[in-house]
């Protein structure tokens, strides 16, 4: 299991009354590297003038696993986007970027998420990530 879900949150889910803030807190405590990375990138985006902020530093294997679990889940990814007020984009099991909401209509986002960008972002060291 990728998340350490409290009995209270599980009971909420069973009643169809999930508190998204509690869910995001579960993500924060269960996947601390992924949460912290996205939080830091969101702060960098808000504090700068660039169209996006991204991570290009390869994490450790456990950290990479957290990032993959967070971004492979539509529920987790969507909750993190809403919580931090960003649009996430992801490449190569370590390179995550945050964009301003609505940026997916722009050229920079389309270029970052393109097949070409994916191919150019390949590296033998990430072959099995």
N, C-alpha and C. Protein backbone atom coordinates (compact mmCIF):
# COMPACT_ATOMS: atom_id res chain seq x y z
N UNK A 1 0.85 -1.18 0.00
CA UNK A 1 0.00 0.00 0.00
C UNK A 1 0.89 1.24 0.00
N UNK A 2 0.55 2.21 -0.79
CA UNK A 2 1.39 3.39 -0.89
C UNK A 2 1.02 4.47 0.13
N UNK A 3 -0.17 4.40 0.69
CA UNK A 3 -0.59 5.41 1.66
C UNK A 3 -0.90 4.74 2.99
N UNK A 4 -0.52 5.40 4.07
CA UNK A 4 -0.84 4.95 5.42
C UNK A 4 -2.13 5.65 5.83
N UNK A 5 -3.26 5.01 5.56
CA UNK A 5 -4.57 5.61 5.74
C UNK A 5 -5.07 5.37 7.16
N UNK A 6 -5.47 6.44 7.82
CA UNK A 6 -5.99 6.32 9.18
C UNK A 6 -7.36 5.65 9.16
N UNK A 7 -7.73 5.02 10.25
CA UNK A 7 -9.07 4.42 10.34
C UNK A 7 -10.17 5.47 10.15
N UNK A 8 -9.94 6.68 10.62
CA UNK A 8 -10.94 7.75 10.46
C UNK A 8 -11.16 8.08 9.00
N UNK A 9 -10.06 8.24 8.26
CA UNK A 9 -10.18 8.57 6.84
C UNK A 9 -10.80 7.40 6.07
N UNK A 10 -10.44 6.19 6.42
CA UNK A 10 -11.02 5.02 5.77
C UNK A 10 -12.52 4.96 6.03
N UNK A 11 -12.93 5.26 7.25
CA UNK A 11 -14.36 5.27 7.59
C UNK A 11 -15.09 6.35 6.78
N UNK A 12 -14.45 7.51 6.60
CA UNK A 12 -15.04 8.57 5.77
C UNK A 12 -15.25 8.06 4.35
N UNK A 13 -14.24 7.39 3.82
CA UNK A 13 -14.34 6.87 2.44
C UNK A 13 -15.47 5.87 2.33
N UNK A 14 -15.62 5.05 3.34
CA UNK A 14 -16.70 4.06 3.32
C UNK A 14 -18.07 4.72 3.34
N UNK A 15 -18.16 5.91 3.93
CA UNK A 15 -19.42 6.67 3.98
C UNK A 15 -19.54 7.65 2.81
N UNK A 16 -18.54 7.68 1.94
CA UNK A 16 -18.53 8.59 0.80
C UNK A 16 -18.48 10.06 1.24
N UNK A 17 -17.68 10.34 2.30
CA UNK A 17 -17.58 11.69 2.86
C UNK A 17 -16.12 12.09 3.05
N UNK A 18 -15.27 11.86 2.08
CA UNK A 18 -13.84 12.09 2.26
C UNK A 18 -13.52 13.58 2.32
N UNK A 19 -12.76 13.95 3.32
CA UNK A 19 -12.24 15.30 3.49
C UNK A 19 -10.93 15.38 2.71
N UNK A 20 -10.90 16.16 1.63
CA UNK A 20 -9.71 16.21 0.79
C UNK A 20 -8.50 16.75 1.54
N UNK A 21 -8.71 17.64 2.49
CA UNK A 21 -7.59 18.14 3.28
C UNK A 21 -6.95 17.00 4.07
N UNK A 22 -7.76 16.13 4.64
CA UNK A 22 -7.23 14.97 5.37
C UNK A 22 -6.53 14.02 4.41
N UNK A 23 -7.07 13.88 3.20
CA UNK A 23 -6.43 13.03 2.20
C UNK A 23 -5.05 13.57 1.84
N UNK A 24 -4.96 14.88 1.60
CA UNK A 24 -3.67 15.49 1.27
C UNK A 24 -2.69 15.34 2.43
N UNK A 25 -3.19 15.44 3.65
CA UNK A 25 -2.31 15.24 4.81
C UNK A 25 -1.81 13.79 4.86
N UNK A 26 -2.65 12.85 4.47
CA UNK A 26 -2.23 11.45 4.39
C UNK A 26 -1.14 11.29 3.33
N UNK A 27 -1.28 11.96 2.21
CA UNK A 27 -0.25 11.93 1.18
C UNK A 27 1.04 12.54 1.73
N UNK A 28 0.93 13.65 2.43
CA UNK A 28 2.11 14.32 3.00
C UNK A 28 2.89 13.40 3.94
N UNK A 29 2.18 12.68 4.78
CA UNK A 29 2.87 11.83 5.74
C UNK A 29 3.29 10.49 5.14
N UNK A 30 2.56 10.01 4.15
CA UNK A 30 2.87 8.71 3.54
C UNK A 30 3.93 8.81 2.45
N UNK A 31 3.95 9.90 1.73
CA UNK A 31 4.87 10.11 0.61
C UNK A 31 5.60 11.45 0.81
N UNK A 32 6.38 11.56 1.89
CA UNK A 32 6.96 12.87 2.24
C UNK A 32 7.88 13.46 1.19
N UNK A 33 8.66 12.66 0.50
CA UNK A 33 9.55 13.20 -0.53
C UNK A 33 8.73 13.82 -1.66
N UNK A 34 7.76 13.08 -2.16
CA UNK A 34 6.94 13.58 -3.27
C UNK A 34 6.20 14.86 -2.86
N UNK A 35 5.62 14.86 -1.69
CA UNK A 35 4.90 16.03 -1.21
C UNK A 35 5.83 17.23 -1.08
N UNK A 36 6.98 17.02 -0.45
CA UNK A 36 7.94 18.11 -0.23
C UNK A 36 8.46 18.66 -1.56
N UNK A 37 8.75 17.78 -2.50
CA UNK A 37 9.26 18.22 -3.80
C UNK A 37 8.22 19.10 -4.50
N UNK A 38 7.00 18.65 -4.54
CA UNK A 38 5.95 19.43 -5.21
C UNK A 38 5.70 20.73 -4.46
N UNK A 39 5.71 20.69 -3.14
CA UNK A 39 5.56 21.90 -2.33
C UNK A 39 6.67 22.90 -2.64
N UNK A 40 7.91 22.43 -2.67
CA UNK A 40 9.06 23.31 -2.96
C UNK A 40 8.97 23.90 -4.37
N UNK A 41 8.58 23.06 -5.33
CA UNK A 41 8.47 23.56 -6.71
C UNK A 41 7.34 24.58 -6.83
N UNK A 42 6.23 24.34 -6.13
CA UNK A 42 5.12 25.30 -6.17
C UNK A 42 5.55 26.64 -5.57
N UNK A 43 6.30 26.60 -4.49
CA UNK A 43 6.80 27.84 -3.87
C UNK A 43 7.76 28.55 -4.82
N UNK A 44 8.62 27.79 -5.48
CA UNK A 44 9.54 28.38 -6.45
C UNK A 44 8.78 29.03 -7.60
N UNK A 45 7.74 28.38 -8.08
CA UNK A 45 6.94 28.94 -9.16
C UNK A 45 6.27 30.24 -8.74
N UNK A 46 5.68 30.24 -7.54
CA UNK A 46 5.00 31.45 -7.05
C UNK A 46 5.98 32.59 -6.82
N UNK A 47 7.21 32.26 -6.43
CA UNK A 47 8.19 33.30 -6.10
C UNK A 47 9.01 33.79 -7.27
N UNK A 48 8.81 33.22 -8.44
CA UNK A 48 9.64 33.59 -9.58
C UNK A 48 8.85 34.14 -10.74
N UNK A 49 9.54 34.29 -11.84
CA UNK A 49 8.92 34.82 -13.04
C UNK A 49 8.87 33.77 -14.16
N UNK A 50 9.48 32.61 -13.92
CA UNK A 50 9.50 31.55 -14.93
C UNK A 50 8.10 30.99 -15.14
N UNK A 51 7.88 30.41 -16.30
CA UNK A 51 6.58 29.82 -16.61
C UNK A 51 6.36 28.50 -15.88
N UNK A 52 7.44 27.86 -15.44
CA UNK A 52 7.31 26.63 -14.68
C UNK A 52 8.55 26.44 -13.81
N UNK A 53 8.43 25.54 -12.85
CA UNK A 53 9.56 25.14 -12.01
C UNK A 53 9.64 23.62 -12.09
N UNK A 54 10.85 23.09 -12.21
CA UNK A 54 10.98 21.64 -12.33
C UNK A 54 12.18 21.12 -11.58
N UNK A 55 12.16 19.83 -11.37
CA UNK A 55 13.24 19.12 -10.69
C UNK A 55 14.03 18.33 -11.73
N UNK A 56 15.33 18.50 -11.75
CA UNK A 56 16.16 17.74 -12.67
C UNK A 56 17.18 16.88 -11.92
N UNK A 57 17.08 16.85 -10.60
CA UNK A 57 17.99 16.05 -9.79
C UNK A 57 17.38 14.68 -9.54
N UNK A 58 18.12 13.65 -9.87
CA UNK A 58 17.62 12.29 -9.67
C UNK A 58 17.53 11.97 -8.17
N UNK A 59 16.40 11.45 -7.73
CA UNK A 59 16.25 11.08 -6.32
C UNK A 59 16.80 9.67 -6.07
N UNK A 60 16.80 9.29 -4.81
CA UNK A 60 17.15 7.92 -4.44
C UNK A 60 16.01 6.99 -4.91
N UNK A 61 16.24 5.71 -4.88
CA UNK A 61 15.20 4.76 -5.30
C UNK A 61 13.94 4.86 -4.45
N UNK A 62 14.05 4.92 -3.13
CA UNK A 62 12.81 5.08 -2.34
C UNK A 62 12.07 6.38 -2.66
N UNK A 63 12.81 7.47 -2.87
CA UNK A 63 12.19 8.74 -3.21
C UNK A 63 11.52 8.66 -4.58
N UNK A 64 12.19 8.03 -5.52
CA UNK A 64 11.63 7.86 -6.86
C UNK A 64 10.32 7.07 -6.78
N UNK A 65 10.30 6.04 -5.93
CA UNK A 65 9.09 5.26 -5.74
C UNK A 65 7.93 6.11 -5.23
N UNK A 66 8.23 7.00 -4.29
CA UNK A 66 7.19 7.89 -3.78
C UNK A 66 6.65 8.79 -4.88
N UNK A 67 7.55 9.34 -5.67
CA UNK A 67 7.13 10.24 -6.74
C UNK A 67 6.29 9.50 -7.78
N UNK A 68 6.71 8.31 -8.13
CA UNK A 68 5.93 7.51 -9.08
C UNK A 68 4.55 7.20 -8.53
N UNK A 69 4.47 6.80 -7.26
CA UNK A 69 3.16 6.48 -6.68
C UNK A 69 2.27 7.72 -6.64
N UNK A 70 2.83 8.86 -6.29
CA UNK A 70 2.02 10.09 -6.22
C UNK A 70 1.50 10.51 -7.58
N UNK A 71 2.35 10.47 -8.58
CA UNK A 71 1.96 11.01 -9.88
C UNK A 71 1.25 9.99 -10.77
N UNK A 72 1.35 8.72 -10.43
CA UNK A 72 0.64 7.70 -11.21
C UNK A 72 -0.82 7.58 -10.77
N UNK A 73 -1.16 8.14 -9.64
CA UNK A 73 -2.53 8.09 -9.14
C UNK A 73 -3.26 9.36 -9.52
N UNK A 74 -4.32 9.22 -10.27
CA UNK A 74 -5.11 10.40 -10.64
C UNK A 74 -5.64 11.13 -9.41
N UNK A 75 -6.06 10.36 -8.39
CA UNK A 75 -6.62 10.98 -7.18
C UNK A 75 -5.55 11.77 -6.43
N UNK A 76 -4.38 11.17 -6.24
CA UNK A 76 -3.31 11.87 -5.52
C UNK A 76 -2.84 13.07 -6.32
N UNK A 77 -2.59 12.86 -7.59
CA UNK A 77 -2.09 13.94 -8.44
C UNK A 77 -3.08 15.11 -8.47
N UNK A 78 -4.35 14.81 -8.66
CA UNK A 78 -5.36 15.87 -8.70
C UNK A 78 -5.47 16.61 -7.38
N UNK A 79 -5.42 15.87 -6.28
CA UNK A 79 -5.49 16.52 -4.96
C UNK A 79 -4.30 17.43 -4.72
N UNK A 80 -3.11 16.97 -5.12
CA UNK A 80 -1.92 17.81 -4.97
C UNK A 80 -2.01 19.05 -5.86
N UNK A 81 -2.51 18.90 -7.06
CA UNK A 81 -2.68 20.06 -7.94
C UNK A 81 -3.62 21.09 -7.30
N UNK A 82 -4.74 20.62 -6.78
CA UNK A 82 -5.70 21.54 -6.15
C UNK A 82 -5.11 22.15 -4.89
N UNK A 83 -4.44 21.34 -4.09
CA UNK A 83 -3.88 21.82 -2.83
C UNK A 83 -2.84 22.92 -3.05
N UNK A 84 -1.96 22.71 -4.01
CA UNK A 84 -0.88 23.68 -4.26
C UNK A 84 -1.24 24.70 -5.33
N UNK A 85 -2.38 24.55 -5.98
CA UNK A 85 -2.81 25.50 -7.01
C UNK A 85 -1.90 25.49 -8.22
N UNK A 86 -1.52 24.30 -8.67
CA UNK A 86 -0.61 24.16 -9.81
C UNK A 86 -1.13 23.09 -10.76
N UNK A 87 -0.53 23.04 -11.91
CA UNK A 87 -0.74 21.96 -12.88
C UNK A 87 0.57 21.18 -12.93
N UNK A 88 0.52 19.87 -12.72
CA UNK A 88 1.72 19.03 -12.72
C UNK A 88 1.98 18.43 -14.09
N UNK A 89 3.25 18.28 -14.41
CA UNK A 89 3.68 17.57 -15.61
C UNK A 89 4.83 16.68 -15.18
N UNK A 90 4.97 15.52 -15.81
CA UNK A 90 5.90 14.51 -15.30
C UNK A 90 6.64 13.83 -16.45
N UNK A 91 7.95 13.65 -16.25
CA UNK A 91 8.79 12.93 -17.21
C UNK A 91 9.76 12.02 -16.46
N UNK A 92 10.06 10.90 -17.01
CA UNK A 92 11.19 10.05 -16.62
C UNK A 92 11.37 9.73 -15.15
N UNK A 93 10.34 9.44 -14.46
CA UNK A 93 10.38 8.93 -13.08
C UNK A 93 11.09 9.84 -12.08
N UNK A 94 11.50 11.00 -12.48
CA UNK A 94 12.09 11.92 -11.50
C UNK A 94 11.81 13.38 -11.85
N UNK A 95 11.62 13.68 -13.10
CA UNK A 95 11.47 15.08 -13.50
C UNK A 95 10.00 15.49 -13.47
N UNK A 96 9.66 16.18 -12.41
CA UNK A 96 8.31 16.70 -12.27
C UNK A 96 8.40 18.21 -12.40
N UNK A 97 7.39 18.79 -13.03
CA UNK A 97 7.33 20.24 -13.19
C UNK A 97 5.98 20.74 -12.70
N UNK A 98 5.97 21.95 -12.18
CA UNK A 98 4.72 22.60 -11.81
C UNK A 98 4.55 23.83 -12.69
N UNK A 99 3.34 23.99 -13.17
CA UNK A 99 2.95 25.11 -14.02
C UNK A 99 1.78 25.82 -13.35
N UNK A 100 1.55 27.05 -13.74
CA UNK A 100 0.36 27.76 -13.28
C UNK A 100 -0.86 27.09 -13.90
N UNK A 101 -1.99 27.05 -13.17
CA UNK A 101 -3.21 26.49 -13.75
C UNK A 101 -3.55 27.22 -15.06
N UNK A 102 -3.98 26.47 -16.02
CA UNK A 102 -4.30 27.03 -17.33
C UNK A 102 -3.13 27.02 -18.29
N UNK A 103 -1.94 26.74 -17.78
CA UNK A 103 -0.74 26.73 -18.64
C UNK A 103 -0.80 25.63 -19.68
N UNK A 104 -1.63 24.62 -19.46
CA UNK A 104 -1.69 23.52 -20.43
C UNK A 104 -2.18 23.99 -21.80
N UNK A 105 -2.72 25.18 -21.85
CA UNK A 105 -3.14 25.76 -23.14
C UNK A 105 -1.98 26.45 -23.86
N UNK A 106 -0.87 26.64 -23.14
CA UNK A 106 0.25 27.40 -23.69
C UNK A 106 1.33 26.54 -24.32
N UNK A 107 2.16 27.20 -25.07
CA UNK A 107 3.23 26.53 -25.81
C UNK A 107 4.29 25.89 -24.89
N UNK A 108 4.64 26.54 -23.80
CA UNK A 108 5.67 26.01 -22.91
C UNK A 108 5.24 24.67 -22.31
N UNK A 109 4.01 24.60 -21.85
CA UNK A 109 3.49 23.34 -21.30
C UNK A 109 3.42 22.27 -22.38
N UNK A 110 2.90 22.62 -23.53
CA UNK A 110 2.81 21.64 -24.63
C UNK A 110 4.18 21.15 -25.04
N UNK A 111 5.15 22.03 -25.04
CA UNK A 111 6.52 21.63 -25.39
C UNK A 111 7.09 20.70 -24.32
N UNK A 112 6.88 21.01 -23.04
CA UNK A 112 7.39 20.18 -21.94
C UNK A 112 6.78 18.77 -21.97
N UNK A 113 5.51 18.67 -22.31
CA UNK A 113 4.82 17.39 -22.29
C UNK A 113 4.78 16.69 -23.64
N UNK A 114 5.53 17.19 -24.60
CA UNK A 114 5.50 16.61 -25.94
C UNK A 114 6.31 15.31 -26.03
N UNK A 115 6.02 14.55 -27.06
CA UNK A 115 6.79 13.34 -27.35
C UNK A 115 8.25 13.70 -27.57
N UNK A 116 8.50 14.79 -28.26
CA UNK A 116 9.87 15.24 -28.51
C UNK A 116 10.62 15.47 -27.20
N UNK A 117 9.99 16.19 -26.27
CA UNK A 117 10.63 16.45 -24.98
C UNK A 117 10.89 15.16 -24.22
N UNK A 118 9.95 14.24 -24.30
CA UNK A 118 10.14 12.95 -23.63
C UNK A 118 11.36 12.23 -24.20
N UNK A 119 11.48 12.22 -25.51
CA UNK A 119 12.63 11.57 -26.15
C UNK A 119 13.95 12.26 -25.80
N UNK A 120 13.95 13.58 -25.79
CA UNK A 120 15.17 14.32 -25.48
C UNK A 120 15.57 14.23 -24.01
N UNK A 121 14.63 13.82 -23.16
CA UNK A 121 14.90 13.72 -21.73
C UNK A 121 15.31 12.30 -21.32
N UNK A 122 15.71 11.49 -22.27
CA UNK A 122 16.14 10.12 -21.97
C UNK A 122 17.59 10.10 -21.53
N UNK A 123 17.90 9.12 -20.72
CA UNK A 123 19.26 8.95 -20.22
C UNK A 123 19.45 7.48 -19.85
N UNK A 124 20.60 6.91 -20.18
CA UNK A 124 20.83 5.51 -19.82
C UNK A 124 20.71 5.24 -18.32
N UNK A 125 21.05 6.22 -17.49
CA UNK A 125 20.98 6.01 -16.04
C UNK A 125 19.54 5.87 -15.54
N UNK A 126 18.58 6.30 -16.32
CA UNK A 126 17.17 6.18 -15.92
C UNK A 126 16.45 5.09 -16.70
N UNK A 127 17.17 4.25 -17.34
CA UNK A 127 16.60 3.21 -18.18
C UNK A 127 15.62 2.33 -17.42
N UNK A 128 15.93 1.99 -16.20
CA UNK A 128 15.09 1.08 -15.42
C UNK A 128 14.36 1.76 -14.27
N UNK A 129 14.17 3.05 -14.38
CA UNK A 129 13.53 3.72 -13.25
C UNK A 129 12.04 3.50 -13.23
